[in-house]
N, C-alpha and C. Protein backbone atom coordinates (compact mmCIF):
# COMPACT_ATOMS: atom_id res chain seq x y z
N MET A 1 -15.68 -5.35 15.00
CA MET A 1 -14.56 -4.51 15.27
C MET A 1 -13.31 -5.04 14.76
N LEU A 2 -12.50 -4.11 14.20
CA LEU A 2 -11.10 -4.41 13.70
C LEU A 2 -10.18 -3.50 14.38
N PHE A 3 -8.79 -3.98 14.61
CA PHE A 3 -7.83 -3.26 15.23
C PHE A 3 -6.55 -3.07 14.29
N VAL A 4 -6.05 -1.85 14.25
CA VAL A 4 -4.85 -1.64 13.44
C VAL A 4 -3.84 -0.84 14.23
N LYS A 5 -2.55 -1.22 14.21
CA LYS A 5 -1.52 -0.49 14.92
C LYS A 5 -0.91 0.45 13.85
N VAL A 6 -0.94 1.70 14.10
CA VAL A 6 -0.27 2.75 13.29
C VAL A 6 0.93 3.41 13.98
N PRO A 7 2.02 3.54 13.34
CA PRO A 7 3.14 4.34 13.95
C PRO A 7 2.74 5.68 14.34
N LYS A 8 3.23 6.10 15.63
CA LYS A 8 2.68 7.46 16.16
C LYS A 8 3.05 8.63 15.12
N GLU A 9 4.08 8.55 14.46
CA GLU A 9 4.48 9.61 13.46
C GLU A 9 3.54 9.78 12.30
N ARG A 10 2.65 8.66 12.06
CA ARG A 10 1.77 8.68 11.01
C ARG A 10 0.32 8.99 11.36
N LEU A 11 0.13 9.19 12.69
CA LEU A 11 -1.24 9.53 13.01
C LEU A 11 -1.77 10.82 12.60
N GLY A 12 -0.85 11.88 12.49
CA GLY A 12 -1.29 13.12 11.95
C GLY A 12 -1.79 13.00 10.44
N ALA A 13 -1.21 12.13 9.67
CA ALA A 13 -1.70 11.91 8.33
C ALA A 13 -3.16 11.19 8.37
N LEU A 14 -3.19 10.29 9.30
CA LEU A 14 -4.50 9.59 9.40
C LEU A 14 -5.63 10.44 9.79
N ILE A 15 -5.36 11.23 10.81
CA ILE A 15 -6.39 12.27 11.41
C ILE A 15 -6.63 13.30 10.36
N GLY A 16 -5.46 14.01 9.81
CA GLY A 16 -5.71 15.10 8.94
C GLY A 16 -5.93 16.38 9.71
N PRO A 17 -5.81 17.49 9.04
CA PRO A 17 -6.08 18.86 9.52
C PRO A 17 -7.58 18.94 10.12
N ASP A 18 -7.65 19.22 11.41
CA ASP A 18 -9.06 19.27 12.04
C ASP A 18 -9.86 18.03 11.96
N GLY A 19 -9.19 16.92 11.74
CA GLY A 19 -9.77 15.54 11.77
C GLY A 19 -10.53 15.30 10.29
N LYS A 20 -10.23 16.07 9.31
CA LYS A 20 -10.85 16.03 8.00
C LYS A 20 -10.56 14.53 7.42
N THR A 21 -9.35 14.08 7.33
CA THR A 21 -9.03 12.75 6.72
C THR A 21 -9.77 11.65 7.46
N LYS A 22 -9.76 11.80 8.83
CA LYS A 22 -10.50 10.64 9.54
C LYS A 22 -11.96 10.74 9.18
N LYS A 23 -12.60 11.83 9.10
CA LYS A 23 -13.96 12.11 8.72
C LYS A 23 -14.29 11.47 7.31
N ILE A 24 -13.43 11.70 6.42
CA ILE A 24 -13.60 11.24 4.95
C ILE A 24 -13.58 9.74 5.04
N ILE A 25 -12.66 9.17 5.69
CA ILE A 25 -12.60 7.70 5.81
C ILE A 25 -13.87 7.13 6.30
N GLU A 26 -14.25 7.67 7.42
CA GLU A 26 -15.46 7.18 8.20
C GLU A 26 -16.81 7.25 7.05
N GLU A 27 -16.85 8.43 6.57
CA GLU A 27 -18.04 8.73 5.54
C GLU A 27 -18.00 7.70 4.42
N ASN A 28 -16.72 7.52 3.86
CA ASN A 28 -16.73 6.69 2.64
C ASN A 28 -16.72 5.20 2.91
N THR A 29 -16.43 4.72 4.19
CA THR A 29 -16.44 3.33 4.34
C THR A 29 -17.46 2.90 5.46
N GLY A 30 -18.23 3.72 5.93
CA GLY A 30 -19.32 3.40 6.94
C GLY A 30 -18.87 2.72 8.22
N VAL A 31 -17.77 3.34 8.70
CA VAL A 31 -17.32 2.97 10.12
C VAL A 31 -17.08 4.24 10.87
N THR A 32 -16.75 3.79 12.18
CA THR A 32 -16.22 4.98 13.24
C THR A 32 -14.78 4.57 13.49
N LEU A 33 -13.84 5.57 13.35
CA LEU A 33 -12.52 5.22 13.84
C LEU A 33 -12.25 5.84 15.19
N ASN A 34 -11.88 5.03 16.10
CA ASN A 34 -11.39 5.30 17.45
C ASN A 34 -9.89 5.40 17.48
N ILE A 35 -9.24 6.49 17.68
CA ILE A 35 -7.80 6.48 17.61
C ILE A 35 -7.19 6.81 19.03
N ASP A 36 -6.27 5.96 19.49
CA ASP A 36 -5.56 6.20 20.62
C ASP A 36 -4.28 6.80 20.34
N SER A 37 -4.09 8.09 20.38
CA SER A 37 -2.91 8.87 20.02
C SER A 37 -1.70 8.49 20.81
N ASN A 38 -1.80 8.07 22.08
CA ASN A 38 -0.62 7.69 22.85
C ASN A 38 -0.05 6.41 22.42
N MET A 39 -0.90 5.37 22.03
CA MET A 39 -0.41 4.14 21.66
C MET A 39 -0.29 3.83 20.16
N GLY A 40 -1.00 4.52 19.36
CA GLY A 40 -1.01 4.30 17.89
C GLY A 40 -2.08 3.26 17.57
N ASP A 41 -2.93 2.91 18.52
CA ASP A 41 -3.95 1.96 18.29
C ASP A 41 -5.29 2.44 17.55
N VAL A 42 -5.79 1.97 16.49
CA VAL A 42 -6.86 2.37 15.85
C VAL A 42 -7.95 1.22 15.91
N THR A 43 -9.11 1.63 16.47
CA THR A 43 -10.23 0.61 16.43
C THR A 43 -11.27 1.06 15.37
N ILE A 44 -11.61 0.08 14.65
CA ILE A 44 -12.48 0.30 13.49
C ILE A 44 -13.89 -0.35 13.77
N ILE A 45 -14.81 0.54 14.04
CA ILE A 45 -16.19 0.14 14.44
C ILE A 45 -17.29 0.25 13.28
N PRO A 46 -17.70 -0.88 12.65
CA PRO A 46 -18.67 -0.68 11.70
C PRO A 46 -19.97 -0.04 12.20
N MET A 47 -20.61 0.96 11.42
CA MET A 47 -21.80 1.48 11.80
C MET A 47 -23.00 0.54 11.68
N GLU A 48 -24.01 0.59 12.47
CA GLU A 48 -25.10 -0.41 12.67
C GLU A 48 -25.74 -0.76 11.26
N GLU A 49 -26.04 0.28 10.38
CA GLU A 49 -26.66 0.05 9.14
C GLU A 49 -25.84 -0.59 8.15
N GLU A 50 -24.51 -0.69 8.30
CA GLU A 50 -23.46 -1.25 7.43
C GLU A 50 -23.33 -2.77 7.68
N VAL A 51 -23.49 -3.18 9.02
CA VAL A 51 -23.18 -4.58 9.40
C VAL A 51 -23.93 -5.58 8.43
N SER A 52 -25.12 -5.32 8.06
CA SER A 52 -25.82 -6.31 7.33
C SER A 52 -25.32 -6.47 5.95
N LYS A 53 -24.46 -5.57 5.51
CA LYS A 53 -23.92 -5.64 4.08
C LYS A 53 -22.74 -6.62 4.01
N GLY A 54 -22.13 -7.12 4.95
CA GLY A 54 -21.14 -8.01 4.88
C GLY A 54 -19.79 -7.65 5.38
N LEU A 55 -18.80 -7.58 4.45
CA LEU A 55 -17.41 -7.35 4.87
C LEU A 55 -17.20 -5.94 5.08
N VAL A 56 -17.90 -5.41 6.20
CA VAL A 56 -17.79 -4.02 6.56
C VAL A 56 -16.42 -3.93 7.23
N GLY A 57 -15.72 -2.69 6.95
CA GLY A 57 -14.69 -2.36 7.77
C GLY A 57 -13.31 -2.88 7.12
N LEU A 58 -13.32 -3.94 6.25
CA LEU A 58 -12.11 -4.34 5.54
C LEU A 58 -11.49 -3.26 4.78
N ALA A 59 -12.21 -2.46 3.94
CA ALA A 59 -11.68 -1.49 3.18
C ALA A 59 -11.08 -0.37 4.04
N ALA A 60 -11.84 -0.04 5.19
CA ALA A 60 -11.33 0.93 6.19
C ALA A 60 -9.95 0.53 6.75
N ARG A 61 -10.00 -0.82 7.14
CA ARG A 61 -8.61 -1.31 7.79
C ARG A 61 -7.54 -1.16 6.76
N ASP A 62 -7.77 -1.44 5.50
CA ASP A 62 -6.62 -1.41 4.46
C ASP A 62 -6.28 0.12 4.34
N ILE A 63 -7.23 1.00 4.35
CA ILE A 63 -6.94 2.44 4.11
C ILE A 63 -5.99 2.88 5.23
N VAL A 64 -6.55 2.54 6.50
CA VAL A 64 -5.66 2.91 7.72
C VAL A 64 -4.34 2.40 7.75
N LYS A 65 -4.14 0.97 7.29
CA LYS A 65 -2.92 0.41 7.20
C LYS A 65 -2.09 1.10 6.30
N ALA A 66 -2.56 1.34 5.10
CA ALA A 66 -1.91 2.10 4.02
C ALA A 66 -1.31 3.35 4.47
N ILE A 67 -2.11 4.17 5.06
CA ILE A 67 -1.69 5.43 5.68
C ILE A 67 -0.65 5.35 6.68
N GLY A 68 -0.91 4.31 7.60
CA GLY A 68 0.15 3.99 8.54
C GLY A 68 1.51 3.53 7.95
N ARG A 69 1.48 2.97 6.67
CA ARG A 69 2.81 2.53 6.12
C ARG A 69 3.24 3.53 4.98
N GLY A 70 2.82 4.79 5.09
CA GLY A 70 3.51 5.72 4.33
C GLY A 70 2.77 6.26 3.08
N PHE A 71 1.52 5.76 2.92
CA PHE A 71 0.79 6.33 1.69
C PHE A 71 0.05 7.63 2.10
N SER A 72 -0.09 8.48 1.13
CA SER A 72 -0.81 9.68 1.41
C SER A 72 -2.29 9.28 1.53
N PRO A 73 -3.19 9.90 2.38
CA PRO A 73 -4.48 9.57 2.37
C PRO A 73 -5.18 9.55 1.03
N GLU A 74 -4.86 10.41 0.13
CA GLU A 74 -5.40 10.46 -1.30
C GLU A 74 -5.21 9.12 -1.95
N ARG A 75 -3.84 8.68 -1.72
CA ARG A 75 -3.52 7.34 -2.60
C ARG A 75 -4.23 6.27 -1.89
N ALA A 76 -4.32 6.29 -0.48
CA ALA A 76 -4.85 5.09 0.20
C ALA A 76 -6.33 5.02 -0.06
N MET A 77 -7.00 6.14 -0.30
CA MET A 77 -8.53 6.07 -0.44
C MET A 77 -8.90 5.26 -1.76
N ALA A 78 -7.89 4.97 -2.65
CA ALA A 78 -8.29 4.11 -3.83
C ALA A 78 -8.75 2.68 -3.32
N LEU A 79 -8.43 2.29 -2.01
CA LEU A 79 -8.73 1.03 -1.58
C LEU A 79 -10.20 1.01 -1.24
N LYS A 80 -10.92 2.01 -1.29
CA LYS A 80 -12.45 1.88 -0.92
C LYS A 80 -13.08 1.18 -2.24
N SER A 81 -12.40 1.14 -3.33
CA SER A 81 -12.96 0.43 -4.42
C SER A 81 -12.78 -1.02 -4.30
N GLU A 82 -13.69 -1.92 -4.74
CA GLU A 82 -13.85 -3.41 -4.36
C GLU A 82 -12.71 -4.02 -5.25
N ASP A 83 -12.23 -3.48 -6.27
CA ASP A 83 -11.24 -4.14 -7.16
C ASP A 83 -9.78 -3.70 -6.86
N MET A 84 -9.57 -2.85 -5.78
CA MET A 84 -8.24 -2.44 -5.36
C MET A 84 -7.70 -3.21 -4.05
N TYR A 85 -6.50 -3.54 -4.14
CA TYR A 85 -5.90 -4.34 -3.03
C TYR A 85 -4.68 -3.67 -2.47
N PHE A 86 -4.47 -4.15 -1.16
CA PHE A 86 -3.21 -3.61 -0.46
C PHE A 86 -2.40 -4.72 -0.03
N THR A 87 -1.19 -4.72 -0.28
CA THR A 87 -0.18 -5.72 0.10
C THR A 87 0.89 -5.10 0.83
N LEU A 88 1.48 -5.67 1.90
CA LEU A 88 2.47 -5.14 2.70
C LEU A 88 3.60 -6.31 2.73
N MET A 89 4.83 -5.98 2.41
CA MET A 89 5.86 -6.82 2.27
C MET A 89 6.95 -6.44 3.27
N ASP A 90 7.43 -7.37 4.03
CA ASP A 90 8.48 -7.06 5.06
C ASP A 90 9.85 -7.26 4.41
N ILE A 91 10.76 -6.23 4.38
CA ILE A 91 12.04 -6.30 3.74
C ILE A 91 12.80 -7.33 4.56
N ARG A 92 12.72 -7.48 5.87
CA ARG A 92 13.41 -8.35 6.64
C ARG A 92 13.32 -9.77 6.29
N ASP A 93 12.22 -10.16 5.79
CA ASP A 93 11.93 -11.62 5.29
C ASP A 93 12.75 -12.01 4.17
N TYR A 94 13.44 -10.93 3.52
CA TYR A 94 14.24 -11.27 2.28
C TYR A 94 15.71 -11.04 2.60
N VAL A 95 16.08 -10.09 3.45
CA VAL A 95 17.49 -9.68 3.78
C VAL A 95 17.92 -9.88 5.12
N GLY A 96 17.02 -10.47 6.00
CA GLY A 96 17.46 -10.60 7.44
C GLY A 96 17.27 -9.30 8.26
N LYS A 97 17.77 -9.42 9.46
CA LYS A 97 17.62 -8.22 10.41
C LYS A 97 18.67 -7.18 10.38
N SER A 98 19.65 -7.38 9.60
CA SER A 98 20.76 -6.41 9.48
C SER A 98 20.50 -5.06 9.07
N THR A 99 20.64 -4.11 9.94
CA THR A 99 20.20 -2.84 9.54
C THR A 99 20.95 -2.31 8.23
N LYS A 100 22.11 -2.80 8.11
CA LYS A 100 23.00 -2.33 6.99
C LYS A 100 22.25 -2.85 5.68
N HIS A 101 21.94 -4.14 5.68
CA HIS A 101 21.28 -4.78 4.56
C HIS A 101 20.05 -4.07 4.13
N ILE A 102 19.18 -3.84 5.25
CA ILE A 102 17.82 -3.21 5.07
C ILE A 102 18.02 -1.85 4.38
N LYS A 103 18.88 -1.01 4.93
CA LYS A 103 19.09 0.30 4.36
C LYS A 103 19.53 0.23 2.83
N ARG A 104 20.43 -0.70 2.60
CA ARG A 104 20.98 -0.92 1.16
C ARG A 104 19.79 -1.26 0.24
N VAL A 105 18.90 -2.29 0.71
CA VAL A 105 17.82 -2.65 -0.12
C VAL A 105 16.81 -1.73 -0.25
N ARG A 106 16.52 -0.94 0.81
CA ARG A 106 15.54 0.18 0.72
C ARG A 106 16.03 1.08 -0.24
N GLY A 107 17.37 1.45 -0.34
CA GLY A 107 17.89 2.34 -1.35
C GLY A 107 17.68 1.83 -2.74
N ARG A 108 17.95 0.55 -2.86
CA ARG A 108 17.77 -0.12 -4.24
C ARG A 108 16.23 0.10 -4.63
N LEU A 109 15.33 -0.23 -3.68
CA LEU A 109 13.88 -0.09 -4.07
C LEU A 109 13.38 1.38 -4.41
N ILE A 110 13.98 2.29 -3.71
CA ILE A 110 13.63 3.71 -3.99
C ILE A 110 14.35 4.21 -5.21
N GLY A 111 15.67 3.94 -5.27
CA GLY A 111 16.50 4.48 -6.30
C GLY A 111 16.85 5.84 -6.15
N THR A 112 17.72 6.35 -7.02
CA THR A 112 18.18 7.74 -7.03
C THR A 112 16.96 8.67 -7.26
N ASN A 113 16.82 9.65 -6.39
CA ASN A 113 15.70 10.49 -6.39
C ASN A 113 14.33 9.82 -6.68
N GLY A 114 14.07 8.54 -6.28
CA GLY A 114 12.91 7.90 -6.40
C GLY A 114 12.66 7.32 -7.65
N LYS A 115 13.77 7.23 -8.57
CA LYS A 115 13.57 6.75 -9.89
C LYS A 115 13.04 5.27 -9.96
N THR A 116 13.59 4.37 -9.17
CA THR A 116 13.17 2.97 -9.17
C THR A 116 11.66 2.85 -8.84
N ARG A 117 11.41 3.53 -7.76
CA ARG A 117 9.89 3.45 -7.29
C ARG A 117 9.02 4.02 -8.37
N ARG A 118 9.36 5.13 -8.93
CA ARG A 118 8.64 5.70 -9.98
C ARG A 118 8.38 4.85 -11.24
N ILE A 119 9.49 4.24 -11.59
CA ILE A 119 9.38 3.17 -12.81
C ILE A 119 8.45 2.09 -12.41
N ILE A 120 8.61 1.41 -11.33
CA ILE A 120 7.75 0.38 -10.87
C ILE A 120 6.31 0.77 -10.92
N GLU A 121 5.99 1.92 -10.39
CA GLU A 121 4.72 2.44 -10.39
C GLU A 121 4.00 2.77 -11.84
N GLU A 122 4.93 3.35 -12.71
CA GLU A 122 4.56 3.63 -14.10
C GLU A 122 4.29 2.32 -14.87
N LEU A 123 5.22 1.43 -14.84
CA LEU A 123 5.12 0.30 -15.60
C LEU A 123 4.19 -0.84 -15.13
N SER A 124 3.92 -0.84 -13.68
CA SER A 124 2.99 -1.77 -13.25
C SER A 124 1.61 -1.29 -13.05
N GLY A 125 1.54 -0.06 -12.96
CA GLY A 125 0.08 0.67 -12.63
C GLY A 125 -0.23 0.54 -11.20
N ALA A 126 0.68 0.13 -10.33
CA ALA A 126 0.32 0.14 -8.76
C ALA A 126 1.01 1.26 -8.24
N GLU A 127 0.60 1.47 -7.03
CA GLU A 127 1.28 2.57 -6.11
C GLU A 127 2.06 1.86 -5.18
N MET A 128 3.23 2.50 -4.84
CA MET A 128 4.26 1.94 -3.99
C MET A 128 4.79 2.87 -2.91
N SER A 129 4.89 2.33 -1.62
CA SER A 129 5.56 3.05 -0.60
C SER A 129 6.54 2.25 0.18
N VAL A 130 7.70 2.91 0.42
CA VAL A 130 8.80 2.15 1.19
C VAL A 130 8.76 2.99 2.49
N TYR A 131 8.49 2.16 3.54
CA TYR A 131 8.41 2.90 4.85
C TYR A 131 9.01 1.93 5.99
N GLY A 132 9.81 2.59 6.64
CA GLY A 132 10.45 1.62 7.71
C GLY A 132 11.11 0.37 7.08
N ASN A 133 10.70 -0.82 7.58
CA ASN A 133 11.09 -2.13 7.10
C ASN A 133 10.20 -2.61 6.06
N THR A 134 9.27 -1.91 5.58
CA THR A 134 8.21 -2.56 4.79
C THR A 134 8.02 -1.86 3.32
N VAL A 135 7.45 -2.55 2.48
CA VAL A 135 7.05 -2.02 1.26
C VAL A 135 5.65 -2.27 1.11
N GLY A 136 4.85 -1.25 0.75
CA GLY A 136 3.41 -1.26 0.66
C GLY A 136 3.07 -1.13 -0.77
N LEU A 137 1.98 -1.82 -1.31
CA LEU A 137 1.60 -1.71 -2.61
C LEU A 137 0.06 -1.61 -2.67
N ILE A 138 -0.35 -0.77 -3.60
CA ILE A 138 -1.85 -0.62 -3.75
C ILE A 138 -2.15 -0.79 -5.30
N GLY A 139 -2.85 -1.63 -5.65
CA GLY A 139 -3.29 -1.74 -7.06
C GLY A 139 -4.37 -2.83 -7.37
N ASP A 140 -4.71 -2.90 -8.63
CA ASP A 140 -5.85 -3.97 -9.02
C ASP A 140 -5.02 -5.25 -9.08
N LEU A 141 -5.79 -6.26 -9.38
CA LEU A 141 -5.26 -7.62 -9.32
C LEU A 141 -4.15 -7.80 -10.24
N PHE A 142 -4.17 -7.32 -11.45
CA PHE A 142 -2.99 -7.47 -12.39
C PHE A 142 -1.88 -6.68 -11.98
N SER A 143 -2.09 -5.38 -11.80
CA SER A 143 -0.90 -4.42 -11.36
C SER A 143 -0.31 -5.01 -10.04
N MET A 144 -1.16 -5.50 -9.16
CA MET A 144 -0.54 -5.97 -7.79
C MET A 144 0.46 -7.22 -8.14
N GLY A 145 0.03 -8.03 -9.01
CA GLY A 145 0.84 -9.20 -9.25
C GLY A 145 2.28 -8.82 -9.82
N ALA A 146 2.11 -7.88 -10.82
CA ALA A 146 3.37 -7.46 -11.54
C ALA A 146 4.23 -6.57 -10.58
N SER A 147 3.65 -5.65 -9.75
CA SER A 147 4.45 -4.90 -8.93
C SER A 147 5.11 -5.71 -7.68
N LYS A 148 4.27 -6.58 -7.26
CA LYS A 148 4.78 -7.54 -6.29
C LYS A 148 5.94 -8.33 -6.60
N ARG A 149 5.82 -8.98 -7.79
CA ARG A 149 6.97 -9.60 -8.41
C ARG A 149 8.32 -8.77 -8.57
N ALA A 150 8.07 -7.45 -9.11
CA ALA A 150 9.13 -6.65 -9.30
C ALA A 150 9.85 -6.23 -7.94
N VAL A 151 9.08 -6.08 -7.03
CA VAL A 151 9.73 -5.80 -5.67
C VAL A 151 10.52 -7.07 -5.19
N GLU A 152 9.83 -8.18 -5.28
CA GLU A 152 10.43 -9.31 -4.90
C GLU A 152 11.90 -9.61 -5.60
N MET A 153 11.78 -9.33 -6.97
CA MET A 153 13.09 -9.36 -7.74
C MET A 153 14.08 -8.55 -7.01
N ILE A 154 13.79 -7.24 -6.80
CA ILE A 154 14.90 -6.38 -6.30
C ILE A 154 15.27 -6.81 -4.93
N LEU A 155 14.37 -7.40 -4.10
CA LEU A 155 14.65 -7.81 -2.74
C LEU A 155 15.50 -9.02 -2.85
N GLU A 156 15.41 -9.79 -3.86
CA GLU A 156 16.18 -11.02 -4.01
C GLU A 156 17.56 -10.76 -4.74
N GLY A 157 17.74 -9.55 -5.11
CA GLY A 157 19.05 -9.09 -5.64
C GLY A 157 19.11 -8.96 -7.18
N SER A 158 18.02 -8.99 -7.91
CA SER A 158 18.07 -8.85 -9.31
C SER A 158 18.52 -7.52 -9.78
N GLU A 159 19.16 -7.29 -10.80
CA GLU A 159 19.60 -6.03 -11.36
C GLU A 159 18.36 -5.23 -11.74
N HIS A 160 18.36 -4.00 -11.62
CA HIS A 160 17.36 -3.06 -12.01
C HIS A 160 16.86 -3.21 -13.46
N ALA A 161 17.78 -3.36 -14.33
CA ALA A 161 17.48 -3.59 -15.78
C ALA A 161 16.61 -4.81 -15.96
N ALA A 162 16.95 -5.96 -15.22
CA ALA A 162 16.10 -7.09 -15.45
C ALA A 162 14.69 -6.90 -14.87
N VAL A 163 14.46 -6.15 -13.89
CA VAL A 163 13.26 -5.87 -13.25
C VAL A 163 12.33 -5.03 -14.30
N TYR A 164 13.12 -3.97 -14.84
CA TYR A 164 12.41 -3.02 -15.83
C TYR A 164 11.98 -3.90 -17.01
N LYS A 165 12.78 -4.83 -17.46
CA LYS A 165 12.49 -5.52 -18.67
C LYS A 165 11.27 -6.43 -18.39
N PHE A 166 11.16 -7.02 -17.22
CA PHE A 166 10.04 -7.80 -16.63
C PHE A 166 8.67 -6.97 -16.69
N LEU A 167 8.89 -5.73 -16.05
CA LEU A 167 7.68 -5.01 -15.99
C LEU A 167 7.29 -4.44 -17.36
N GLU A 168 8.11 -4.26 -18.34
CA GLU A 168 7.74 -3.90 -19.69
C GLU A 168 7.07 -5.09 -20.41
N GLY A 169 7.52 -6.27 -20.08
CA GLY A 169 6.80 -7.39 -20.76
C GLY A 169 5.33 -7.59 -20.17
N GLN A 170 5.29 -7.40 -18.76
CA GLN A 170 3.90 -7.35 -18.11
C GLN A 170 3.00 -6.29 -18.68
N ARG A 171 3.60 -5.07 -18.90
CA ARG A 171 2.68 -3.92 -19.49
C ARG A 171 2.22 -4.32 -20.89
N ARG A 172 3.23 -4.91 -21.61
CA ARG A 172 2.54 -5.40 -23.00
C ARG A 172 1.59 -6.30 -22.96
N GLU A 173 1.73 -7.32 -22.03
CA GLU A 173 0.68 -8.33 -21.77
C GLU A 173 -0.74 -7.63 -21.40
N MET A 174 -0.57 -6.72 -20.48
CA MET A 174 -1.70 -5.99 -19.98
C MET A 174 -2.40 -5.19 -21.09
N LYS A 175 -1.74 -4.51 -21.87
CA LYS A 175 -2.17 -3.86 -22.95
C LYS A 175 -2.92 -4.77 -24.04
N TYR A 176 -2.25 -5.89 -24.23
CA TYR A 176 -2.86 -6.85 -25.17
C TYR A 176 -4.24 -7.44 -24.53
N ARG A 177 -4.34 -7.68 -23.35
CA ARG A 177 -5.43 -8.11 -22.65
C ARG A 177 -6.56 -7.10 -22.84
N GLU A 178 -6.26 -5.82 -22.60
CA GLU A 178 -7.22 -4.76 -22.78
C GLU A 178 -7.77 -4.66 -24.17
N MET A 179 -6.83 -4.91 -25.23
CA MET A 179 -7.28 -4.88 -26.58
C MET A 179 -8.12 -6.05 -26.89
N THR A 180 -7.90 -7.19 -26.47
CA THR A 180 -8.66 -8.40 -26.88
C THR A 180 -9.98 -8.40 -26.09
N MET A 181 -10.04 -7.74 -25.01
CA MET A 181 -11.46 -7.65 -24.18
C MET A 181 -12.35 -6.70 -24.77
N GLU A 182 -11.94 -5.68 -25.65
CA GLU A 182 -12.91 -4.75 -26.22
C GLU A 182 -13.76 -5.33 -27.28
């Protein structure tokens, strides 16, 4: 059994209309989700036939966490793939507990009309969600490394232009790797 705490305002996204999202997660990951709507607690119970396969429930845990941290269920379901990863970064680890600083940095991460977030996603290939005091990232190993470093650069105060230049270099490197592997 695994346990995840989900913000109450995100439980609707986790359950979905008529329980549809919950059912899709259960069917795709081989678990049963017990959701306490009053507390926001989610218990992930592997189905008997899945226990012998090993790391059961970890994909479900990451999917539930991702939905809880602002990702849409559709985007979070990418985590059912073995080569996709979820990372959660706490903005407070970089800027402290000041509400004013957290708001400012959140604004820098999202950008005007979501421009910064969109550029990070396009250039790194990872999905990004800024929710509360956290930044969530979903991606494969390479895109996760590039997007995580880009977010860290912004959290540490780098200019957006420097972050975009870094990501463009990473993207060129990724394309070069793809070409040499063929």
